[in-house]
Amino acid sequence: MEVLPPPTLVGELLDPGELPVAFVYRDRADVFCPTPADSGAVKYQPCGSAEKFARFSIARELADGDGVLLVGRDGHAVRAEDARVVRSVARPDGIDEAAKWIHIELSEQALVAYVGDRPIFATLASSGRKGYETPTGTYKVMRKNGSKLMIGEDDVDGICDVEEVPWALFYHRGYAVHGAYWHDDFGNTKSHGCTNIAPADAHFLFWWSSPSYPRAGTACDFATAERALCSPTASVNDSTLRPTSHASRRRAQRASRRCCWEVPSGPAEPRCARERIP
C-alpha cells in the first residue's frame, strides 16, 4: 500500500469578464516582467517563478522570439507552453439560456461550468490518455453517484480496481466527470476515458448541478423526462481536431468496454427530486 498526498488543485469561481484565464500546469513556470529597452520598446525578462496551478486572467497574448507569452492584467507573464488557457465558448445549440451545462475542452485539458452564456467556474482536468481517448460530443448527464467502485482493464497495469471514486456525473455509456484522489497531474491526459478533476472541484459540480441529490451514499438515475427538464449537459470538444471519425468512435467504444466498468450499486436506485433551474 502506498500513501499518496491529496490533490492540491482547487478551481476558480469566475467573476464576469474574467475569462480567458491561464492555469500553470507544470511544476514550475518562469514569470516575466516588462522592462524598458534602449530602443524604447518593452522587453519581458525573467523575474520570478509561479507555482503549479497558479492562475490569472489574460490581458493579451504576445509573440516573442521564444514563443508566446500570456500577459496578465498586472503586466506579468508566463510562457504559453507552461499554462493551459481556459476560454469562453458559445453555448451549444439546444441548451436553454438559463440552463446549467459543463464544457470540457480536451485540447487544453480544461473544464468550465456555465449557467446559460455565463461561465461561473473553471478548473483543469485530465481526460483519456492515448488509447483511451475521451469521445467528443454533447450529452445529457444521466446519473450522479456520490461514490463509485470502478473496475476495468489497463493495457499496461492489467486490471484496475479503484474504490470510492467520488462525485461522479455520468453522461455517456461508462464516461463520467468525477473526482480523482490518486493523482495531482491535472492539465495532462491521464485517465481511461473519463474526465478526472480534483475532488474539491468534483464536489462543487456535484452539488451545483441539477437535479438535487437525495441523500449521501446513494445514486441518482435520472428518468428521461427528468434529464430533459433539469439535468446538465456535458459538451466535450477538442478544438484542434477534425470531427471524430467512425474508426475513432469505434476505438473509444472499445476503450469504454475495456475500462471504467461500473460495479452495480445494489437494488433499485432512488430517483432524484426535480429541481427548478435558477
Protein backbone atom coordinates (compact mmCIF):
# COMPACT_ATOMS: atom_id res chain seq x y z
CA MET A 1 0.00 0.00 0.00
CA GLU A 2 1.23 3.47 -0.92
CA VAL A 3 0.11 6.61 0.90
CA LEU A 4 -0.41 9.42 -1.63
CA PRO A 5 -0.64 13.13 -0.88
CA PRO A 6 -4.05 14.66 -1.64
CA PRO A 7 -4.50 16.70 -4.81
CA THR A 8 -3.73 20.38 -4.35
CA LEU A 9 -5.80 21.83 -7.18
CA VAL A 10 -8.92 23.85 -6.39
CA GLY A 11 -10.72 25.51 -9.29
CA GLU A 12 -11.73 29.14 -9.70
CA LEU A 13 -15.12 30.77 -9.19
CA LEU A 14 -15.32 33.30 -12.01
CA ASP A 15 -16.29 36.94 -12.00
CA PRO A 16 -17.99 38.37 -15.09
CA GLY A 17 -15.42 39.00 -17.83
CA GLU A 18 -12.65 37.06 -16.08
CA LEU A 19 -12.02 34.63 -18.95
CA PRO A 20 -9.67 33.87 -20.57
CA VAL A 21 -7.74 32.53 -17.60
CA ALA A 22 -4.33 30.85 -17.64
CA PHE A 23 -3.60 27.96 -15.25
CA VAL A 24 0.04 26.98 -14.75
CA TYR A 25 0.12 23.20 -15.05
CA ARG A 26 3.83 22.47 -14.85
CA ASP A 27 5.62 22.03 -11.53
CA ARG A 28 7.26 25.40 -12.02
CA ALA A 29 6.98 28.19 -14.56
CA ASP A 30 9.14 31.26 -15.11
CA VAL A 31 7.44 34.62 -14.63
CA PHE A 32 8.44 37.51 -16.91
CA CYS A 33 8.23 41.23 -16.08
CA PRO A 34 8.10 44.11 -18.59
CA THR A 35 11.38 46.01 -18.81
CA PRO A 36 12.02 49.13 -20.93
CA ALA A 37 14.64 48.54 -23.62
CA ASP A 38 17.10 51.06 -25.11
CA SER A 39 15.01 51.18 -28.26
CA GLY A 40 12.01 52.35 -26.27
CA ALA A 41 10.21 49.06 -26.72
CA VAL A 42 9.25 46.88 -23.79
CA LYS A 43 11.01 43.56 -23.29
CA TYR A 44 9.99 40.80 -20.92
CA GLN A 45 12.72 39.49 -18.63
CA PRO A 46 12.57 36.60 -16.11
CA CYS A 47 11.75 37.99 -12.69
CA GLY A 48 10.49 35.04 -10.64
CA SER A 49 8.53 31.83 -10.79
CA ALA A 50 4.94 30.67 -10.47
CA GLU A 51 3.81 27.60 -8.59
CA LYS A 52 1.82 24.79 -10.12
CA PHE A 53 -1.88 25.68 -10.50
CA ALA A 54 -1.30 29.43 -10.14
CA ARG A 55 -3.82 31.23 -12.33
CA PHE A 56 -4.50 34.71 -13.70
CA SER A 57 -6.75 36.49 -16.20
CA ILE A 58 -5.09 37.05 -19.57
CA ALA A 59 -4.98 40.62 -20.87
CA ARG A 60 -3.16 39.77 -24.11
CA GLU A 61 -1.01 37.20 -25.83
CA LEU A 62 2.36 38.40 -27.05
CA ALA A 63 4.65 36.65 -29.55
CA ASP A 64 8.34 36.89 -28.78
CA GLY A 65 11.44 35.16 -30.10
CA ASP A 66 10.97 32.06 -27.96
CA GLY A 67 7.23 31.53 -28.39
CA VAL A 68 4.14 33.16 -26.94
CA LEU A 69 3.78 34.99 -23.64
CA LEU A 70 0.48 35.10 -21.78
CA VAL A 71 0.36 38.55 -20.22
CA GLY A 72 -1.79 39.14 -17.17
CA ARG A 73 -3.68 42.30 -16.29
CA ASP A 74 -0.88 43.29 -13.89
CA GLY A 75 1.70 43.11 -16.70
CA HIS A 76 3.41 39.91 -15.56
CA ALA A 77 3.56 36.99 -17.99
CA VAL A 78 4.28 33.27 -18.32
CA ARG A 79 5.11 31.24 -21.40
CA ALA A 80 2.11 29.68 -23.12
CA GLU A 81 3.83 26.28 -23.05
CA ASP A 82 3.72 26.33 -19.24
CA ALA A 83 0.00 27.06 -18.93
CA ARG A 84 -3.42 25.86 -20.02
CA VAL A 85 -5.73 28.57 -21.31
CA VAL A 86 -9.40 28.45 -20.34
CA ARG A 87 -11.55 30.39 -22.79
CA SER A 88 -15.24 31.13 -23.00
CA VAL A 89 -17.15 29.22 -25.68
CA ALA A 90 -20.53 29.71 -27.29
CA ARG A 91 -23.50 27.88 -25.81
CA PRO A 92 -24.24 24.77 -27.93
CA ASP A 93 -27.50 24.53 -29.84
CA GLY A 94 -30.31 23.03 -27.81
CA ILE A 95 -29.16 24.34 -24.42
CA ASP A 96 -31.59 26.81 -22.84
CA GLU A 97 -30.31 30.28 -22.00
CA ALA A 98 -30.95 29.62 -18.29
CA ALA A 99 -29.64 26.04 -18.20
CA LYS A 100 -26.60 24.71 -16.40
CA TRP A 101 -24.02 22.98 -18.60
CA ILE A 102 -20.40 21.86 -18.50
CA HIS A 103 -17.83 22.37 -21.24
CA ILE A 104 -14.73 20.13 -21.41
CA GLU A 105 -12.02 21.36 -23.78
CA LEU A 106 -9.72 18.41 -24.46
CA SER A 107 -7.06 20.44 -26.28
CA GLU A 108 -6.44 22.50 -23.10
CA GLN A 109 -7.48 19.85 -20.54
CA ALA A 110 -9.85 22.41 -19.05
CA LEU A 111 -13.41 22.38 -17.73
CA VAL A 112 -15.82 25.31 -17.39
CA ALA A 113 -19.27 25.27 -15.79
CA TYR A 114 -21.87 27.64 -17.25
CA VAL A 115 -25.32 28.97 -16.49
CA GLY A 116 -26.62 29.91 -19.91
CA ASP A 117 -23.96 32.10 -21.51
CA ARG A 118 -22.24 32.98 -18.23
CA PRO A 119 -19.15 30.99 -17.17
CA ILE A 120 -19.18 30.61 -13.39
CA PHE A 121 -16.41 28.10 -12.59
CA ALA A 122 -13.19 26.93 -14.26
CA THR A 123 -10.60 24.28 -13.48
CA LEU A 124 -8.12 21.89 -15.06
CA ALA A 125 -8.96 18.29 -15.93
CA SER A 126 -7.35 15.03 -17.02
CA SER A 127 -9.15 13.26 -19.85
CA GLY A 128 -8.38 9.93 -21.52
CA ARG A 129 -4.78 9.20 -22.42
CA LYS A 130 -3.64 7.69 -25.72
CA GLY A 131 -5.61 4.56 -26.48
CA TYR A 132 -8.40 5.63 -24.11
CA GLU A 133 -9.38 8.92 -25.74
CA THR A 134 -12.45 10.68 -24.35
CA PRO A 135 -15.12 10.86 -27.07
CA THR A 136 -16.34 14.28 -28.14
CA GLY A 137 -20.00 15.24 -28.37
CA THR A 138 -22.87 16.81 -26.46
CA TYR A 139 -24.59 14.63 -23.87
CA LYS A 140 -27.14 14.86 -21.08
CA VAL A 141 -25.89 13.81 -17.64
CA MET A 142 -27.66 10.50 -16.96
CA ARG A 143 -26.71 9.74 -13.39
CA LYS A 144 -24.99 11.09 -10.28
CA ASN A 145 -23.07 8.92 -7.81
CA GLY A 146 -21.66 10.21 -4.54
CA SER A 147 -19.01 7.49 -4.79
CA LYS A 148 -18.47 4.57 -7.13
CA LEU A 149 -16.34 1.43 -7.37
CA MET A 150 -14.80 1.26 -10.84
CA ILE A 151 -13.07 -1.82 -12.25
CA GLY A 152 -11.56 -2.26 -15.69
CA GLU A 153 -8.58 -3.30 -17.79
CA ASP A 154 -5.38 -1.38 -18.44
CA ASP A 155 -3.05 -2.27 -21.31
CA VAL A 156 -0.03 -1.71 -19.03
CA ASP A 157 -1.19 -2.34 -15.47
CA GLY A 158 -3.77 -5.07 -16.13
CA ILE A 159 -6.91 -4.99 -14.01
CA CYS A 160 -7.57 -1.62 -12.37
CA ASP A 161 -9.76 -1.54 -9.29
CA VAL A 162 -10.47 1.90 -7.84
CA GLU A 163 -12.72 2.19 -4.80
CA GLU A 164 -14.78 5.17 -3.68
CA VAL A 165 -14.37 7.22 -6.86
CA PRO A 166 -16.02 10.45 -5.64
CA TRP A 167 -18.67 12.79 -7.01
CA ALA A 168 -19.33 11.21 -10.42
CA LEU A 169 -21.56 12.68 -13.13
CA PHE A 170 -22.14 10.00 -15.81
CA TYR A 171 -23.08 11.40 -19.21
CA HIS A 172 -22.38 8.73 -21.86
CA ARG A 173 -22.01 4.95 -21.50
CA GLY A 174 -19.28 4.49 -18.87
CA TYR A 175 -17.91 8.02 -19.24
CA ALA A 176 -18.16 10.44 -16.34
CA VAL A 177 -16.77 13.61 -14.86
CA HIS A 178 -15.52 12.55 -11.43
CA GLY A 179 -13.07 13.34 -8.69
CA ALA A 180 -9.61 11.74 -8.76
CA TYR A 181 -7.81 11.47 -5.44
CA TRP A 182 -4.93 9.33 -6.76
CA HIS A 183 -3.02 11.97 -8.75
CA ASP A 184 -2.36 15.71 -8.93
CA ASP A 185 -1.44 15.87 -12.62
CA PHE A 186 -4.44 17.86 -13.82
CA GLY A 187 -3.84 19.64 -17.10
CA ASN A 188 -2.45 16.44 -18.66
CA THR A 189 -4.23 13.42 -20.14
CA LYS A 190 -4.27 10.66 -17.56
CA SER A 191 -7.46 8.61 -17.42
CA HIS A 192 -9.06 5.62 -19.12
CA GLY A 193 -11.62 7.85 -20.84
CA CYS A 194 -13.42 9.62 -18.02
CA THR A 195 -12.68 13.24 -17.16
CA ASN A 196 -10.72 13.43 -13.89
CA ILE A 197 -10.95 16.61 -11.85
CA ALA A 198 -9.75 17.39 -8.35
CA PRO A 199 -12.06 16.08 -5.60
CA ALA A 200 -12.86 19.59 -4.36
CA ASP A 201 -13.92 20.60 -7.87
CA ALA A 202 -15.96 17.42 -8.38
CA HIS A 203 -17.72 18.08 -5.07
CA PHE A 204 -18.64 21.57 -6.25
CA LEU A 205 -20.01 20.37 -9.62
CA PHE A 206 -21.92 17.52 -7.99
CA TRP A 207 -23.90 19.75 -5.65
CA TRP A 208 -24.16 22.66 -8.11
CA SER A 209 -25.72 20.52 -10.85
CA SER A 210 -29.42 19.71 -11.00
CA PRO A 211 -31.44 17.70 -10.01
CA SER A 212 -30.74 17.64 -6.29
CA TYR A 213 -29.24 14.53 -4.71
CA PRO A 214 -31.47 12.64 -2.25
CA ARG A 215 -29.00 11.51 0.40
CA ALA A 216 -25.34 10.59 0.84
CA GLY A 217 -24.23 7.15 -0.32
CA THR A 218 -26.93 6.61 -2.95
CA ALA A 219 -27.14 7.10 -6.69
CA CYS A 220 -29.36 9.37 -8.74
CA ASP A 221 -30.53 7.79 -12.00
CA PHE A 222 -32.49 10.38 -13.97
CA ALA A 223 -35.62 9.35 -15.86
CA THR A 224 -35.82 10.60 -19.44
CA ALA A 225 -38.25 13.39 -18.58
CA GLU A 226 -36.13 14.49 -15.66
CA ARG A 227 -32.98 14.57 -17.79
CA ALA A 228 -34.75 16.69 -20.39
CA LEU A 229 -36.05 19.10 -17.77
CA CYS A 230 -33.19 19.73 -15.43
CA SER A 231 -30.04 17.60 -15.70
CA PRO A 232 -26.99 19.49 -17.00
CA THR A 233 -25.48 18.97 -20.43
CA ALA A 234 -21.84 17.93 -20.88
CA SER A 235 -20.22 19.34 -24.02
CA VAL A 236 -16.89 17.64 -24.83
CA ASN A 237 -14.78 19.26 -27.53
CA ASP A 238 -11.26 19.25 -28.95
CA SER A 239 -10.76 22.46 -30.91
CA THR A 240 -7.57 21.13 -32.53
CA LEU A 241 -9.18 18.07 -34.15
CA ARG A 242 -11.49 17.41 -37.04
CA PRO A 243 -14.84 15.75 -36.27
CA THR A 244 -14.46 12.27 -34.79
CA SER A 245 -14.19 9.57 -37.45
CA HIS A 246 -16.12 6.31 -37.38
CA ALA A 247 -12.89 4.41 -36.60
CA SER A 248 -12.11 6.76 -33.71
CA ARG A 249 -15.61 6.31 -32.32
CA ARG A 250 -15.23 2.54 -32.50
CA ARG A 251 -11.89 2.71 -30.66
CA ALA A 252 -13.49 4.88 -27.98
CA GLN A 253 -16.36 2.40 -27.61
CA ARG A 254 -13.90 -0.49 -27.20
CA ALA A 255 -11.98 1.51 -24.59
CA SER A 256 -15.23 2.20 -22.75
CA ARG A 257 -15.97 -1.52 -22.58
CA ARG A 258 -12.40 -2.29 -21.57
CA CYS A 259 -12.19 0.06 -18.62
CA CYS A 260 -14.40 2.07 -16.30
CA TRP A 261 -16.74 -0.84 -15.73
CA GLU A 262 -19.17 0.20 -13.06
CA VAL A 263 -19.96 -2.13 -10.20
CA PRO A 264 -23.74 -2.07 -9.60
CA SER A 265 -24.77 -0.02 -6.60
CA GLY A 266 -27.28 -2.57 -5.35
CA PRO A 267 -31.07 -2.67 -5.50
CA ALA A 268 -33.25 -0.13 -7.25
CA GLU A 269 -31.69 3.31 -7.04
CA PRO A 270 -33.90 6.24 -5.96
CA ARG A 271 -34.93 8.91 -8.44
CA CYS A 272 -33.82 12.47 -7.86
CA ALA A 273 -36.41 15.03 -6.97
CA ARG A 274 -36.90 17.57 -9.73
CA GLU A 275 -35.37 20.95 -9.12
CA ARG A 276 -36.22 24.17 -10.89
CA ILE A 277 -33.22 25.64 -12.69
CA PRO A 278 -32.37 29.03 -11.24
